[in-house]
Amino acid sequence: METSLNEKAAAHRLLEDLEDLNILKVLNKNIQPKQKLSEKYAGKLPSDIADELQNYVTQSCNECNNRSI
């Protein structure tokens, strides 16, 4: 169901009127596309520390996988 331009304009005007009467407050939403964490944090960790961390994680995984319980 598509909303017509007139209906959107009427709804917008109604919201403005309600805001003028201090019944509600219309907030502007800035919706930005979600950024991948890998993109967000790319290059934030020095490569030598990243290598140490990767080695630690790999070693920990190997130790966990090799345990006999």
N, C-alpha and C. Protein backbone atom coordinates (compact mmCIF):
# COMPACT_ATOMS: atom_id res chain seq x y z
N MET A 1 0.84 -1.17 0.00
CA MET A 1 0.00 0.00 0.00
C MET A 1 0.89 1.24 0.00
N GLU A 2 0.75 2.03 -1.01
CA GLU A 2 1.59 3.20 -1.16
C GLU A 2 0.89 4.43 -0.60
N THR A 3 1.65 5.27 0.09
CA THR A 3 1.10 6.49 0.65
C THR A 3 1.26 7.61 -0.37
N SER A 4 0.17 8.33 -0.62
CA SER A 4 0.23 9.41 -1.60
C SER A 4 0.98 10.60 -1.03
N LEU A 5 1.42 11.44 -1.92
CA LEU A 5 2.15 12.64 -1.52
C LEU A 5 1.27 13.54 -0.66
N ASN A 6 -0.02 13.62 -0.99
CA ASN A 6 -0.95 14.44 -0.20
C ASN A 6 -1.10 13.90 1.22
N GLU A 7 -1.17 12.57 1.35
CA GLU A 7 -1.28 11.97 2.67
C GLU A 7 -0.03 12.23 3.51
N LYS A 8 1.12 12.14 2.86
CA LYS A 8 2.38 12.40 3.58
C LYS A 8 2.45 13.86 4.01
N ALA A 9 2.01 14.77 3.14
CA ALA A 9 2.02 16.19 3.47
C ALA A 9 1.07 16.48 4.63
N ALA A 10 -0.09 15.84 4.62
CA ALA A 10 -1.07 16.05 5.69
C ALA A 10 -0.52 15.51 7.02
N ALA A 11 0.10 14.35 6.98
CA ALA A 11 0.68 13.77 8.19
C ALA A 11 1.81 14.65 8.71
N HIS A 12 2.61 15.17 7.81
CA HIS A 12 3.72 16.04 8.20
C HIS A 12 3.18 17.31 8.87
N ARG A 13 2.14 17.88 8.29
CA ARG A 13 1.53 19.09 8.84
C ARG A 13 0.92 18.80 10.22
N LEU A 14 0.28 17.65 10.36
CA LEU A 14 -0.30 17.27 11.64
C LEU A 14 0.79 17.15 12.71
N LEU A 15 1.89 16.52 12.36
CA LEU A 15 3.00 16.39 13.31
C LEU A 15 3.56 17.76 13.70
N GLU A 16 3.66 18.65 12.72
CA GLU A 16 4.14 20.01 13.01
C GLU A 16 3.18 20.73 13.95
N ASP A 17 1.87 20.57 13.71
CA ASP A 17 0.88 21.20 14.58
C ASP A 17 0.96 20.66 16.00
N LEU A 18 1.10 19.35 16.14
CA LEU A 18 1.22 18.73 17.47
C LEU A 18 2.49 19.21 18.17
N GLU A 19 3.54 19.41 17.40
CA GLU A 19 4.78 19.91 17.99
C GLU A 19 4.60 21.36 18.44
N ASP A 20 3.91 22.15 17.65
CA ASP A 20 3.65 23.55 18.02
C ASP A 20 2.84 23.64 19.32
N LEU A 21 1.98 22.67 19.54
CA LEU A 21 1.16 22.64 20.75
C LEU A 21 1.89 21.99 21.93
N ASN A 22 3.15 21.67 21.74
CA ASN A 22 3.97 21.00 22.76
C ASN A 22 3.39 19.67 23.21
N ILE A 23 2.76 18.98 22.27
CA ILE A 23 2.21 17.65 22.56
C ILE A 23 3.25 16.58 22.27
N LEU A 24 4.06 16.84 21.27
CA LEU A 24 5.14 15.91 20.96
C LEU A 24 6.32 16.66 20.41
N LYS A 25 7.45 15.98 20.35
CA LYS A 25 8.67 16.56 19.80
C LYS A 25 9.15 15.66 18.68
N VAL A 26 9.29 16.22 17.50
CA VAL A 26 9.75 15.46 16.34
C VAL A 26 11.27 15.55 16.31
N LEU A 27 11.88 14.38 16.27
CA LEU A 27 13.34 14.32 16.21
C LEU A 27 13.77 13.94 14.81
N ASN A 28 14.84 14.53 14.35
CA ASN A 28 15.40 14.16 13.06
C ASN A 28 16.26 12.92 13.25
N LYS A 29 16.05 11.96 12.40
CA LYS A 29 16.83 10.73 12.46
C LYS A 29 17.84 10.74 11.33
N ASN A 30 19.09 10.58 11.68
CA ASN A 30 20.13 10.43 10.68
C ASN A 30 20.46 8.95 10.61
N ILE A 31 19.89 8.27 9.67
CA ILE A 31 20.12 6.84 9.54
C ILE A 31 21.25 6.63 8.55
N GLN A 32 22.31 6.05 9.06
CA GLN A 32 23.47 5.77 8.22
C GLN A 32 23.59 4.26 8.06
N PRO A 33 24.05 3.83 6.90
CA PRO A 33 24.22 2.40 6.73
C PRO A 33 25.25 1.87 7.72
N LYS A 34 24.99 0.65 8.21
CA LYS A 34 25.91 0.06 9.18
C LYS A 34 27.24 -0.23 8.52
N GLN A 35 28.29 0.11 9.22
CA GLN A 35 29.64 -0.12 8.73
C GLN A 35 30.14 -1.44 9.33
N LYS A 36 30.78 -2.24 8.51
CA LYS A 36 31.34 -3.49 9.00
C LYS A 36 32.41 -3.17 10.04
N LEU A 37 32.46 -3.97 11.10
CA LEU A 37 33.47 -3.75 12.14
C LEU A 37 34.87 -3.88 11.56
N SER A 38 35.05 -4.79 10.61
CA SER A 38 36.37 -4.96 10.01
C SER A 38 36.80 -3.69 9.28
N GLU A 39 35.84 -2.99 8.68
CA GLU A 39 36.17 -1.73 8.00
C GLU A 39 36.38 -0.62 9.02
N LYS A 40 35.56 -0.62 10.06
CA LYS A 40 35.65 0.44 11.06
C LYS A 40 36.99 0.44 11.79
N TYR A 41 37.46 -0.76 12.12
CA TYR A 41 38.68 -0.86 12.92
C TYR A 41 39.91 -1.25 12.11
N ALA A 42 39.81 -1.28 10.81
CA ALA A 42 40.95 -1.65 9.97
C ALA A 42 42.10 -0.68 10.20
N GLY A 43 43.27 -1.23 10.51
CA GLY A 43 44.47 -0.42 10.69
C GLY A 43 44.58 0.24 12.05
N LYS A 44 43.69 -0.05 12.98
CA LYS A 44 43.73 0.59 14.29
C LYS A 44 44.73 -0.06 15.23
N LEU A 45 45.08 -1.32 14.97
CA LEU A 45 45.99 -2.06 15.83
C LEU A 45 47.32 -2.18 15.09
N PRO A 46 48.42 -1.81 15.73
CA PRO A 46 49.72 -1.95 15.06
C PRO A 46 49.93 -3.41 14.63
N SER A 47 50.54 -3.60 13.47
CA SER A 47 50.65 -4.94 12.90
C SER A 47 51.44 -5.90 13.79
N ASP A 48 52.45 -5.41 14.53
CA ASP A 48 53.22 -6.32 15.39
C ASP A 48 52.35 -6.84 16.54
N ILE A 49 51.51 -5.98 17.09
CA ILE A 49 50.62 -6.40 18.18
C ILE A 49 49.53 -7.31 17.61
N ALA A 50 49.04 -7.00 16.42
CA ALA A 50 48.02 -7.84 15.78
C ALA A 50 48.58 -9.24 15.53
N ASP A 51 49.84 -9.33 15.11
CA ASP A 51 50.46 -10.63 14.88
C ASP A 51 50.59 -11.41 16.18
N GLU A 52 51.01 -10.73 17.25
CA GLU A 52 51.12 -11.39 18.55
C GLU A 52 49.75 -11.90 19.02
N LEU A 53 48.75 -11.09 18.84
CA LEU A 53 47.40 -11.48 19.24
C LEU A 53 46.92 -12.68 18.44
N GLN A 54 47.16 -12.65 17.14
CA GLN A 54 46.74 -13.77 16.29
C GLN A 54 47.47 -15.05 16.69
N ASN A 55 48.75 -14.96 16.99
CA ASN A 55 49.52 -16.13 17.43
C ASN A 55 48.97 -16.67 18.74
N TYR A 56 48.62 -15.79 19.66
CA TYR A 56 48.08 -16.19 20.95
C TYR A 56 46.74 -16.91 20.76
N VAL A 57 45.89 -16.35 19.93
CA VAL A 57 44.58 -16.97 19.68
C VAL A 57 44.76 -18.34 19.03
N THR A 58 45.64 -18.43 18.05
CA THR A 58 45.90 -19.70 17.38
C THR A 58 46.43 -20.74 18.36
N GLN A 59 47.38 -20.33 19.19
CA GLN A 59 47.96 -21.24 20.19
C GLN A 59 46.87 -21.70 21.17
N SER A 60 46.05 -20.78 21.63
CA SER A 60 44.98 -21.13 22.57
C SER A 60 44.00 -22.11 21.94
N CYS A 61 43.65 -21.88 20.70
CA CYS A 61 42.73 -22.79 20.00
C CYS A 61 43.35 -24.17 19.86
N ASN A 62 44.63 -24.22 19.52
CA ASN A 62 45.32 -25.50 19.37
C ASN A 62 45.35 -26.24 20.68
N GLU A 63 45.65 -25.55 21.78
CA GLU A 63 45.68 -26.17 23.10
C GLU A 63 44.30 -26.71 23.47
N CYS A 64 43.27 -25.96 23.16
CA CYS A 64 41.91 -26.38 23.47
C CYS A 64 41.53 -27.61 22.65
N ASN A 65 41.87 -27.60 21.38
CA ASN A 65 41.53 -28.71 20.49
C ASN A 65 42.31 -29.98 20.84
N ASN A 66 43.51 -29.85 21.39
CA ASN A 66 44.35 -30.99 21.70
C ASN A 66 44.13 -31.56 23.09
N ARG A 67 43.24 -30.96 23.86
CA ARG A 67 42.96 -31.46 25.22
C ARG A 67 42.16 -32.74 25.14
N SER A 68 42.48 -33.66 26.01
CA SER A 68 41.71 -34.90 26.07
C SER A 68 40.92 -34.86 27.38
N ILE A 69 39.65 -34.78 27.22
CA ILE A 69 38.79 -34.68 28.40
C ILE A 69 38.03 -35.98 28.55
